[in-house]
Amino acid sequence: MDEVLLGNLSLADLKEYGRTADRHDLLKRRWLTYEVDPQLQFDYPAMSDTSLPATSAMIRAMRAADHEKTAGNPAEYKLAVDRFSQALAAAESAAGVP
């Protein structure tokens, strides 16, 4: 989010945005491990297979969260990150991740 958009937020919204951005980053790193770790690629190939509904839904949710990060509405961003979190958990469950 650029400085102009951040400058229009209240202190409470800035703090919420920061917490949401941190959570978003953690979720993206969690997903990325399935893409870059050869053992996880072997153990859970479904996490990279976008032809599977749960994986495809997770990728769409991640992209929506990425979009909302720069849209300037902290509440919508938090909702998008919540959806990404739920979709990632569902994709992991469908892939058999313990």
PDB file of N, CA and C in Angstrom:
ATOM      1  N   MET A   1       0.876  -1.161   0.000  1.00  0.00           N
ATOM      2  CA  MET A   1       0.000   0.000   0.000  1.00  0.00           C
ATOM      3  C   MET A   1       0.920   1.219   0.000  1.00  0.00           C
ATOM      4  N   ASP A   2       0.597   2.188  -0.787  1.00  0.00           N
ATOM      5  CA  ASP A   2       1.488   3.341  -0.870  1.00  0.00           C
ATOM      6  C   ASP A   2       1.247   4.326   0.267  1.00  0.00           C
ATOM      7  N   GLU A   3       2.167   5.270   0.402  1.00  0.00           N
ATOM      8  CA  GLU A   3       2.107   6.222   1.517  1.00  0.00           C
ATOM      9  C   GLU A   3       0.850   7.080   1.498  1.00  0.00           C
ATOM     10  N   VAL A   4       0.330   7.396   0.309  1.00  0.00           N
ATOM     11  CA  VAL A   4      -0.890   8.205   0.225  1.00  0.00           C
ATOM     12  C   VAL A   4      -2.054   7.467   0.867  1.00  0.00           C
ATOM     13  N   LEU A   5      -2.208   6.183   0.542  1.00  0.00           N
ATOM     14  CA  LEU A   5      -3.294   5.408   1.137  1.00  0.00           C
ATOM     15  C   LEU A   5      -3.078   5.213   2.632  1.00  0.00           C
ATOM     16  N   LEU A   6      -1.847   4.911   3.031  1.00  0.00           N
ATOM     17  CA  LEU A   6      -1.561   4.720   4.453  1.00  0.00           C
ATOM     18  C   LEU A   6      -1.807   6.001   5.238  1.00  0.00           C
ATOM     19  N   GLY A   7      -1.515   7.139   4.628  1.00  0.00           N
ATOM     20  CA  GLY A   7      -1.697   8.420   5.297  1.00  0.00           C
ATOM     21  C   GLY A   7      -3.141   8.739   5.611  1.00  0.00           C
ATOM     22  N   ASN A   8      -4.064   8.103   4.926  1.00  0.00           N
ATOM     23  CA  ASN A   8      -5.487   8.345   5.143  1.00  0.00           C
ATOM     24  C   ASN A   8      -6.093   7.425   6.202  1.00  0.00           C
ATOM     25  N   LEU A   9      -5.306   6.528   6.765  1.00  0.00           N
ATOM     26  CA  LEU A   9      -5.822   5.579   7.747  1.00  0.00           C
ATOM     27  C   LEU A   9      -5.613   6.091   9.165  1.00  0.00           C
ATOM     28  N   SER A  10      -6.524   5.710  10.044  1.00  0.00           N
ATOM     29  CA  SER A  10      -6.359   6.037  11.465  1.00  0.00           C
ATOM     30  C   SER A  10      -5.238   5.176  12.035  1.00  0.00           C
ATOM     31  N   LEU A  11      -4.779   5.540  13.211  1.00  0.00           N
ATOM     32  CA  LEU A  11      -3.735   4.761  13.873  1.00  0.00           C
ATOM     33  C   LEU A  11      -4.199   3.323  14.108  1.00  0.00           C
ATOM     34  N   ALA A  12      -5.446   3.163  14.533  1.00  0.00           N
ATOM     35  CA  ALA A  12      -5.990   1.819  14.758  1.00  0.00           C
ATOM     36  C   ALA A  12      -6.012   1.022  13.456  1.00  0.00           C
ATOM     37  N   ASP A  13      -6.418   1.659  12.354  1.00  0.00           N
ATOM     38  CA  ASP A  13      -6.445   0.971  11.060  1.00  0.00           C
ATOM     39  C   ASP A  13      -5.037   0.618  10.592  1.00  0.00           C
ATOM     40  N   LEU A  14      -4.074   1.497  10.852  1.00  0.00           N
ATOM     41  CA  LEU A  14      -2.684   1.207  10.493  1.00  0.00           C
ATOM     42  C   LEU A  14      -2.159  -0.003  11.255  1.00  0.00           C
ATOM     43  N   LYS A  15      -2.481  -0.079  12.542  1.00  0.00           N
ATOM     44  CA  LYS A  15      -2.050  -1.227  13.346  1.00  0.00           C
ATOM     45  C   LYS A  15      -2.708  -2.510  12.841  1.00  0.00           C
ATOM     46  N   GLU A  16      -3.999  -2.433  12.547  1.00  0.00           N
ATOM     47  CA  GLU A  16      -4.718  -3.605  12.021  1.00  0.00           C
ATOM     48  C   GLU A  16      -4.143  -4.024  10.678  1.00  0.00           C
ATOM     49  N   TYR A  17      -3.866  -3.048   9.834  1.00  0.00           N
ATOM     50  CA  TYR A  17      -3.270  -3.331   8.529  1.00  0.00           C
ATOM     51  C   TYR A  17      -1.924  -4.039   8.719  1.00  0.00           C
ATOM     52  N   GLY A  18      -1.107  -3.547   9.647  1.00  0.00           N
ATOM     53  CA  GLY A  18       0.201  -4.163   9.909  1.00  0.00           C
ATOM     54  C   GLY A  18       0.079  -5.598  10.376  1.00  0.00           C
ATOM     55  N   ARG A  19      -0.854  -5.857  11.292  1.00  0.00           N
ATOM     56  CA  ARG A  19      -1.078  -7.232  11.770  1.00  0.00           C
ATOM     57  C   ARG A  19      -1.552  -8.126  10.631  1.00  0.00           C
ATOM     58  N   THR A  20      -2.448  -7.595   9.819  1.00  0.00           N
ATOM     59  CA  THR A  20      -2.962  -8.370   8.690  1.00  0.00           C
ATOM     60  C   THR A  20      -1.857  -8.657   7.678  1.00  0.00           C
ATOM     61  N   ALA A  21      -1.030  -7.660   7.395  1.00  0.00           N
ATOM     62  CA  ALA A  21       0.070  -7.841   6.445  1.00  0.00           C
ATOM     63  C   ALA A  21       1.062  -8.884   6.965  1.00  0.00           C
ATOM     64  N   ASP A  22       1.341  -8.872   8.256  1.00  0.00           N
ATOM     65  CA  ASP A  22       2.241  -9.875   8.834  1.00  0.00           C
ATOM     66  C   ASP A  22       1.653 -11.275   8.678  1.00  0.00           C
ATOM     67  N   ARG A  23       0.371 -11.402   8.960  1.00  0.00           N
ATOM     68  CA  ARG A  23      -0.300 -12.707   8.824  1.00  0.00           C
ATOM     69  C   ARG A  23      -0.315 -13.155   7.366  1.00  0.00           C
ATOM     70  N   HIS A  24      -0.587 -12.232   6.471  1.00  0.00           N
ATOM     71  CA  HIS A  24      -0.592 -12.511   5.039  1.00  0.00           C
ATOM     72  C   HIS A  24       0.783 -13.041   4.612  1.00  0.00           C
ATOM     73  N   ASP A  25       1.841 -12.374   5.056  1.00  0.00           N
ATOM     74  CA  ASP A  25       3.206 -12.810   4.721  1.00  0.00           C
ATOM     75  C   ASP A  25       3.489 -14.216   5.253  1.00  0.00           C
ATOM     76  N   LEU A  26       3.062 -14.503   6.477  1.00  0.00           N
ATOM     77  CA  LEU A  26       3.256 -15.842   7.036  1.00  0.00           C
ATOM     78  C   LEU A  26       2.530 -16.904   6.216  1.00  0.00           C
ATOM     79  N   LEU A  27       1.309 -16.609   5.821  1.00  0.00           N
ATOM     80  CA  LEU A  27       0.539 -17.560   5.014  1.00  0.00           C
ATOM     81  C   LEU A  27       1.204 -17.799   3.659  1.00  0.00           C
ATOM     82  N   LYS A  28       1.687 -16.730   3.049  1.00  0.00           N
ATOM     83  CA  LYS A  28       2.353 -16.889   1.754  1.00  0.00           C
ATOM     84  C   LYS A  28       3.636 -17.695   1.891  1.00  0.00           C
ATOM     85  N   ARG A  29       4.378 -17.490   2.972  1.00  0.00           N
ATOM     86  CA  ARG A  29       5.593 -18.284   3.191  1.00  0.00           C
ATOM     87  C   ARG A  29       5.233 -19.748   3.425  1.00  0.00           C
ATOM     88  N   ARG A  30       4.145 -19.980   4.156  1.00  0.00           N
ATOM     89  CA  ARG A  30       3.688 -21.359   4.389  1.00  0.00           C
ATOM     90  C   ARG A  30       3.364 -22.032   3.070  1.00  0.00           C
ATOM     91  N   TRP A  31       2.639 -21.338   2.188  1.00  0.00           N
ATOM     92  CA  TRP A  31       2.312 -21.915   0.892  1.00  0.00           C
ATOM     93  C   TRP A  31       3.578 -22.111   0.060  1.00  0.00           C
ATOM     94  N   LEU A  32       4.476 -21.141   0.078  1.00  0.00           N
ATOM     95  CA  LEU A  32       5.671 -21.203  -0.749  1.00  0.00           C
ATOM     96  C   LEU A  32       6.540 -22.401  -0.412  1.00  0.00           C
ATOM     97  N   THR A  33       6.512 -22.862   0.822  1.00  0.00           N
ATOM     98  CA  THR A  33       7.325 -24.033   1.169  1.00  0.00           C
ATOM     99  C   THR A  33       6.933 -25.247   0.330  1.00  0.00           C
ATOM    100  N   TYR A  34       5.675 -25.351  -0.037  1.00  0.00           N
ATOM    101  CA  TYR A  34       5.240 -26.466  -0.883  1.00  0.00           C
ATOM    102  C   TYR A  34       5.770 -26.328  -2.308  1.00  0.00           C
ATOM    103  N   GLU A  35       6.102 -25.128  -2.704  1.00  0.00           N
ATOM    104  CA  GLU A  35       6.604 -24.865  -4.056  1.00  0.00           C
ATOM    105  C   GLU A  35       8.113 -25.039  -4.151  1.00  0.00           C
ATOM    106  N   VAL A  36       8.841 -24.774  -3.086  1.00  0.00           N
ATOM    107  CA  VAL A  36      10.307 -24.747  -3.180  1.00  0.00           C
ATOM    108  C   VAL A  36      11.013 -25.895  -2.463  1.00  0.00           C
ATOM    109  N   ASP A  37      10.342 -26.586  -1.577  1.00  0.00           N
ATOM    110  CA  ASP A  37      10.962 -27.689  -0.849  1.00  0.00           C
ATOM    111  C   ASP A  37      10.728 -28.990  -1.622  1.00  0.00           C
ATOM    112  N   PRO A  38      11.793 -29.593  -2.153  1.00  0.00           N
ATOM    113  CA  PRO A  38      11.626 -30.819  -2.961  1.00  0.00           C
ATOM    114  C   PRO A  38      10.905 -31.944  -2.215  1.00  0.00           C
ATOM    115  N   GLN A  39      11.189 -32.082  -0.923  1.00  0.00           N
ATOM    116  CA  GLN A  39      10.523 -33.150  -0.169  1.00  0.00           C
ATOM    117  C   GLN A  39       9.026 -32.892  -0.064  1.00  0.00           C
ATOM    118  N   LEU A  40       8.640 -31.655   0.205  1.00  0.00           N
ATOM    119  CA  LEU A  40       7.212 -31.331   0.280  1.00  0.00           C
ATOM    120  C   LEU A  40       6.547 -31.448  -1.090  1.00  0.00           C
ATOM    121  N   GLN A  41       7.263 -31.117  -2.154  1.00  0.00           N
ATOM    122  CA  GLN A  41       6.720 -31.296  -3.505  1.00  0.00           C
ATOM    123  C   GLN A  41       6.422 -32.769  -3.751  1.00  0.00           C
ATOM    124  N   PHE A  42       7.317 -33.632  -3.297  1.00  0.00           N
ATOM    125  CA  PHE A  42       7.139 -35.075  -3.460  1.00  0.00           C
ATOM    126  C   PHE A  42       6.010 -35.596  -2.571  1.00  0.00           C
ATOM    127  N   ASP A  43       5.992 -35.157  -1.317  1.00  0.00           N
ATOM    128  CA  ASP A  43       5.006 -35.654  -0.357  1.00  0.00           C
ATOM    129  C   ASP A  43       3.595 -35.128  -0.608  1.00  0.00           C
ATOM    130  N   TYR A  44       3.502 -33.854  -1.089  1.00  0.00           N
ATOM    131  CA  TYR A  44       2.194 -33.210  -1.248  1.00  0.00           C
ATOM    132  C   TYR A  44       2.081 -32.529  -2.620  1.00  0.00           C
ATOM    133  N   PRO A  45       2.122 -33.310  -3.690  1.00  0.00           N
ATOM    134  CA  PRO A  45       2.050 -32.707  -5.032  1.00  0.00           C
ATOM    135  C   PRO A  45       0.744 -31.951  -5.275  1.00  0.00           C
ATOM    136  N   ALA A  46      -0.298 -32.291  -4.549  1.00  0.00           N
ATOM    137  CA  ALA A  46      -1.590 -31.623  -4.730  1.00  0.00           C
ATOM    138  C   ALA A  46      -1.518 -30.135  -4.372  1.00  0.00           C
ATOM    139  N   MET A  47      -0.550 -29.748  -3.554  1.00  0.00           N
ATOM    140  CA  MET A  47      -0.438 -28.337  -3.162  1.00  0.00           C
ATOM    141  C   MET A  47       0.015 -27.447  -4.317  1.00  0.00           C
ATOM    142  N   SER A  48       0.511 -28.062  -5.386  1.00  0.00           N
ATOM    143  CA  SER A  48       0.925 -27.301  -6.566  1.00  0.00           C
ATOM    144  C   SER A  48       0.047 -27.584  -7.773  1.00  0.00           C
ATOM    145  N   ASP A  49      -0.915 -28.463  -7.612  1.00  0.00           N
ATOM    146  CA  ASP A  49      -1.759 -28.894  -8.730  1.00  0.00           C
ATOM    147  C   ASP A  49      -3.032 -28.051  -8.785  1.00  0.00           C
ATOM    148  N   THR A  50      -3.007 -27.015  -9.621  1.00  0.00           N
ATOM    149  CA  THR A  50      -4.148 -26.104  -9.689  1.00  0.00           C
ATOM    150  C   THR A  50      -5.352 -26.691 -10.416  1.00  0.00           C
ATOM    151  N   SER A  51      -5.229 -27.908 -10.923  1.00  0.00           N
ATOM    152  CA  SER A  51      -6.410 -28.545 -11.495  1.00  0.00           C
ATOM    153  C   SER A  51      -7.320 -29.107 -10.394  1.00  0.00           C
ATOM    154  N   LEU A  52      -6.802 -29.163  -9.182  1.00  0.00           N
ATOM    155  CA  LEU A  52      -7.598 -29.637  -8.051  1.00  0.00           C
ATOM    156  C   LEU A  52      -8.383 -28.465  -7.461  1.00  0.00           C
ATOM    157  N   PRO A  53      -9.659 -28.675  -7.164  1.00  0.00           N
ATOM    158  CA  PRO A  53     -10.513 -27.577  -6.693  1.00  0.00           C
ATOM    159  C   PRO A  53      -9.983 -26.856  -5.454  1.00  0.00           C
ATOM    160  N   ALA A  54      -9.511 -27.583  -4.450  1.00  0.00           N
ATOM    161  CA  ALA A  54      -9.058 -26.928  -3.219  1.00  0.00           C
ATOM    162  C   ALA A  54      -7.807 -26.088  -3.460  1.00  0.00           C
ATOM    163  N   THR A  55      -6.901 -26.602  -4.280  1.00  0.00           N
ATOM    164  CA  THR A  55      -5.680 -25.854  -4.584  1.00  0.00           C
ATOM    165  C   THR A  55      -6.005 -24.628  -5.423  1.00  0.00           C
ATOM    166  N   SER A  56      -6.865 -24.795  -6.395  1.00  0.00           N
ATOM    167  CA  SER A  56      -7.270 -23.680  -7.243  1.00  0.00           C
ATOM    168  C   SER A  56      -7.956 -22.592  -6.417  1.00  0.00           C
ATOM    169  N   ALA A  57      -8.821 -22.983  -5.501  1.00  0.00           N
ATOM    170  CA  ALA A  57      -9.510 -22.019  -4.635  1.00  0.00           C
ATOM    171  C   ALA A  57      -8.509 -21.289  -3.750  1.00  0.00           C
ATOM    172  N   MET A  58      -7.500 -21.995  -3.270  1.00  0.00           N
ATOM    173  CA  MET A  58      -6.481 -21.377  -2.431  1.00  0.00           C
ATOM    174  C   MET A  58      -5.689 -20.339  -3.223  1.00  0.00           C
ATOM    175  N   ILE A  59      -5.323 -20.653  -4.456  1.00  0.00           N
ATOM    176  CA  ILE A  59      -4.576 -19.705  -5.292  1.00  0.00           C
ATOM    177  C   ILE A  59      -5.432 -18.471  -5.570  1.00  0.00           C
ATOM    178  N   ARG A  60      -6.712 -18.669  -5.856  1.00  0.00           N
ATOM    179  CA  ARG A  60      -7.598 -17.517  -6.083  1.00  0.00           C
ATOM    180  C   ARG A  60      -7.705 -16.655  -4.820  1.00  0.00           C
ATOM    181  N   ALA A  61      -7.813 -17.296  -3.664  1.00  0.00           N
ATOM    182  CA  ALA A  61      -7.904 -16.555  -2.403  1.00  0.00           C
ATOM    183  C   ALA A  61      -6.601 -15.803  -2.116  1.00  0.00           C
ATOM    184  N   MET A  62      -5.472 -16.416  -2.436  1.00  0.00           N
ATOM    185  CA  MET A  62      -4.194 -15.745  -2.236  1.00  0.00           C
ATOM    186  C   MET A  62      -4.087 -14.515  -3.141  1.00  0.00           C
ATOM    187  N   ARG A  63      -4.496 -14.650  -4.375  1.00  0.00           N
ATOM    188  CA  ARG A  63      -4.464 -13.509  -5.305  1.00  0.00           C
ATOM    189  C   ARG A  63      -5.406 -12.394  -4.854  1.00  0.00           C
ATOM    190  N   ALA A  64      -6.566 -12.778  -4.335  1.00  0.00           N
ATOM    191  CA  ALA A  64      -7.507 -11.769  -3.834  1.00  0.00           C
ATOM    192  C   ALA A  64      -6.898 -11.014  -2.655  1.00  0.00           C
ATOM    193  N   ALA A  65      -6.214 -11.729  -1.760  1.00  0.00           N
ATOM    194  CA  ALA A  65      -5.564 -11.078  -0.622  1.00  0.00           C
ATOM    195  C   ALA A  65      -4.449 -10.155  -1.114  1.00  0.00           C
ATOM    196  N   ASP A  66      -3.690 -10.611  -2.104  1.00  0.00           N
ATOM    197  CA  ASP A  66      -2.637  -9.761  -2.683  1.00  0.00           C
ATOM    198  C   ASP A  66      -3.241  -8.472  -3.237  1.00  0.00           C
ATOM    199  N   HIS A  67      -4.364  -8.599  -3.913  1.00  0.00           N
ATOM    200  CA  HIS A  67      -5.029  -7.419  -4.485  1.00  0.00           C
ATOM    201  C   HIS A  67      -5.514  -6.477  -3.377  1.00  0.00           C
ATOM    202  N   GLU A  68      -6.164  -7.025  -2.376  1.00  0.00           N
ATOM    203  CA  GLU A  68      -6.729  -6.200  -1.311  1.00  0.00           C
ATOM    204  C   GLU A  68      -5.654  -5.496  -0.495  1.00  0.00           C
ATOM    205  N   LYS A  69      -4.442  -6.054  -0.479  1.00  0.00           N
ATOM    206  CA  LYS A  69      -3.344  -5.432   0.270  1.00  0.00           C
ATOM    207  C   LYS A  69      -3.083  -4.010  -0.218  1.00  0.00           C
ATOM    208  N   THR A  70      -3.316  -3.777  -1.499  1.00  0.00           N
ATOM    209  CA  THR A  70      -3.031  -2.454  -2.073  1.00  0.00           C
ATOM    210  C   THR A  70      -4.294  -1.645  -2.365  1.00  0.00           C
ATOM    211  N   ALA A  71      -5.450  -2.168  -1.993  1.00  0.00           N
ATOM    212  CA  ALA A  71      -6.709  -1.501  -2.339  1.00  0.00           C
ATOM    213  C   ALA A  71      -7.089  -0.375  -1.372  1.00  0.00           C
ATOM    214  N   GLY A  72      -6.493  -0.347  -0.195  1.00  0.00           N
ATOM    215  CA  GLY A  72      -6.740   0.769   0.712  1.00  0.00           C
ATOM    216  C   GLY A  72      -7.863   0.589   1.716  1.00  0.00           C
ATOM    217  N   ASN A  73      -8.404  -0.623   1.842  1.00  0.00           N
ATOM    218  CA  ASN A  73      -9.473  -0.867   2.799  1.00  0.00           C
ATOM    219  C   ASN A  73      -9.022  -1.967   3.765  1.00  0.00           C
ATOM    220  N   PRO A  74      -8.540  -1.598   4.961  1.00  0.00           N
ATOM    221  CA  PRO A  74      -8.023  -2.596   5.894  1.00  0.00           C
ATOM    222  C   PRO A  74      -9.029  -3.695   6.251  1.00  0.00           C
ATOM    223  N   ALA A  75     -10.301  -3.362   6.350  1.00  0.00           N
ATOM    224  CA  ALA A  75     -11.306  -4.378   6.702  1.00  0.00           C
ATOM    225  C   ALA A  75     -11.445  -5.411   5.585  1.00  0.00           C
ATOM    226  N   GLU A  76     -11.473  -4.949   4.352  1.00  0.00           N
ATOM    227  CA  GLU A  76     -11.566  -5.875   3.212  1.00  0.00           C
ATOM    228  C   GLU A  76     -10.297  -6.708   3.086  1.00  0.00           C
ATOM    229  N   TYR A  77      -9.158  -6.091   3.359  1.00  0.00           N
ATOM    230  CA  TYR A  77      -7.888  -6.817   3.324  1.00  0.00           C
ATOM    231  C   TYR A  77      -7.893  -7.922   4.373  1.00  0.00           C
ATOM    232  N   LYS A  78      -8.318  -7.599   5.592  1.00  0.00           N
ATOM    233  CA  LYS A  78      -8.371  -8.613   6.645  1.00  0.00           C
ATOM    234  C   LYS A  78      -9.297  -9.756   6.253  1.00  0.00           C
ATOM    235  N   LEU A  79     -10.435  -9.436   5.692  1.00  0.00           N
ATOM    236  CA  LEU A  79     -11.371 -10.470   5.247  1.00  0.00           C
ATOM    237  C   LEU A  79     -10.740 -11.352   4.167  1.00  0.00           C
ATOM    238  N   ALA A  80     -10.035 -10.745   3.229  1.00  0.00           N
ATOM    239  CA  ALA A  80      -9.383 -11.512   2.165  1.00  0.00           C
ATOM    240  C   ALA A  80      -8.289 -12.418   2.730  1.00  0.00           C
ATOM    241  N   VAL A  81      -7.540 -11.934   3.709  1.00  0.00           N
ATOM    242  CA  VAL A  81      -6.501 -12.758   4.330  1.00  0.00           C
ATOM    243  C   VAL A  81      -7.140 -13.889   5.137  1.00  0.00           C
ATOM    244  N   ASP A  82      -8.249 -13.629   5.798  1.00  0.00           N
ATOM    245  CA  ASP A  82      -8.984 -14.690   6.500  1.00  0.00           C
ATOM    246  C   ASP A  82      -9.413 -15.775   5.520  1.00  0.00           C
ATOM    247  N   ARG A  83      -9.918 -15.355   4.369  1.00  0.00           N
ATOM    248  CA  ARG A  83     -10.345 -16.328   3.350  1.00  0.00           C
ATOM    249  C   ARG A  83      -9.154 -17.115   2.812  1.00  0.00           C
ATOM    250  N   PHE A  84      -8.027 -16.448   2.618  1.00  0.00           N
ATOM    251  CA  PHE A  84      -6.815 -17.123   2.168  1.00  0.00           C
ATOM    252  C   PHE A  84      -6.386 -18.159   3.205  1.00  0.00           C
ATOM    253  N   SER A  85      -6.418 -17.795   4.478  1.00  0.00           N
ATOM    254  CA  SER A  85      -6.052 -18.721   5.540  1.00  0.00           C
ATOM    255  C   SER A  85      -6.942 -19.965   5.520  1.00  0.00           C
ATOM    256  N   GLN A  86      -8.243 -19.755   5.391  1.00  0.00           N
ATOM    257  CA  GLN A  86      -9.188 -20.875   5.345  1.00  0.00           C
ATOM    258  C   GLN A  86      -8.962 -21.729   4.109  1.00  0.00           C
ATOM    259  N   ALA A  87      -8.715 -21.097   2.968  1.00  0.00           N
ATOM    260  CA  ALA A  87      -8.505 -21.839   1.723  1.00  0.00           C
ATOM    261  C   ALA A  87      -7.191 -22.616   1.766  1.00  0.00           C
ATOM    262  N   LEU A  88      -6.163 -22.045   2.372  1.00  0.00           N
ATOM    263  CA  LEU A  88      -4.889 -22.756   2.505  1.00  0.00           C
ATOM    264  C   LEU A  88      -5.062 -23.974   3.398  1.00  0.00           C
ATOM    265  N   ALA A  89      -5.761 -23.823   4.506  1.00  0.00           N
ATOM    266  CA  ALA A  89      -6.014 -24.960   5.398  1.00  0.00           C
ATOM    267  C   ALA A  89      -6.827 -26.039   4.687  1.00  0.00           C
ATOM    268  N   ALA A  90      -7.807 -25.627   3.891  1.00  0.00           N
ATOM    269  CA  ALA A  90      -8.615 -26.603   3.150  1.00  0.00           C
ATOM    270  C   ALA A  90      -7.777 -27.323   2.100  1.00  0.00           C
ATOM    271  N   ALA A  91      -6.907 -26.599   1.415  1.00  0.00           N
ATOM    272  CA  ALA A  91      -6.038 -27.219   0.404  1.00  0.00           C
ATOM    273  C   ALA A  91      -5.074 -28.200   1.076  1.00  0.00           C
ATOM    274  N   GLU A  92      -4.531 -27.822   2.211  1.00  0.00           N
ATOM    275  CA  GLU A  92      -3.636 -28.729   2.939  1.00  0.00           C
ATOM    276  C   GLU A  92      -4.384 -29.984   3.376  1.00  0.00           C
ATOM    277  N   SER A  93      -5.598 -29.813   3.861  1.00  0.00           N
ATOM    278  CA  SER A  93      -6.395 -30.966   4.273  1.00  0.00           C
ATOM    279  C   SER A  93      -6.689 -31.877   3.086  1.00  0.00           C
ATOM    280  N   ALA A  94      -7.076 -31.289   1.970  1.00  0.00           N
ATOM    281  CA  ALA A  94      -7.364 -32.090   0.768  1.00  0.00           C
ATOM    282  C   ALA A  94      -6.123 -32.802   0.253  1.00  0.00           C
ATOM    283  N   ALA A  95      -4.945 -32.206   0.469  1.00  0.00           N
ATOM    284  CA  ALA A  95      -3.687 -32.807   0.007  1.00  0.00           C
ATOM    285  C   ALA A  95      -3.150 -33.851   0.989  1.00  0.00           C
ATOM    286  N   GLY A  96      -3.793 -33.967   2.154  1.00  0.00           N
ATOM    287  CA  GLY A  96      -3.356 -34.943   3.143  1.00  0.00           C
ATOM    288  C   GLY A  96      -2.250 -34.453   4.052  1.00  0.00           C
ATOM    289  N   VAL A  97      -2.051 -33.150   4.116  1.00  0.00           N
ATOM    290  CA  VAL A  97      -1.039 -32.590   5.024  1.00  0.00           C
ATOM    291  C   VAL A  97      -1.531 -32.774   6.455  1.00  0.00           C
ATOM    292  N   PRO A  98      -0.695 -33.374   7.312  1.00  0.00           N
ATOM    293  CA  PRO A  98      -1.137 -33.592   8.697  1.00  0.00           C
ATOM    294  C   PRO A  98      -1.244 -32.299   9.491  1.00  0.00           C
TER     295      PRO A  98
END
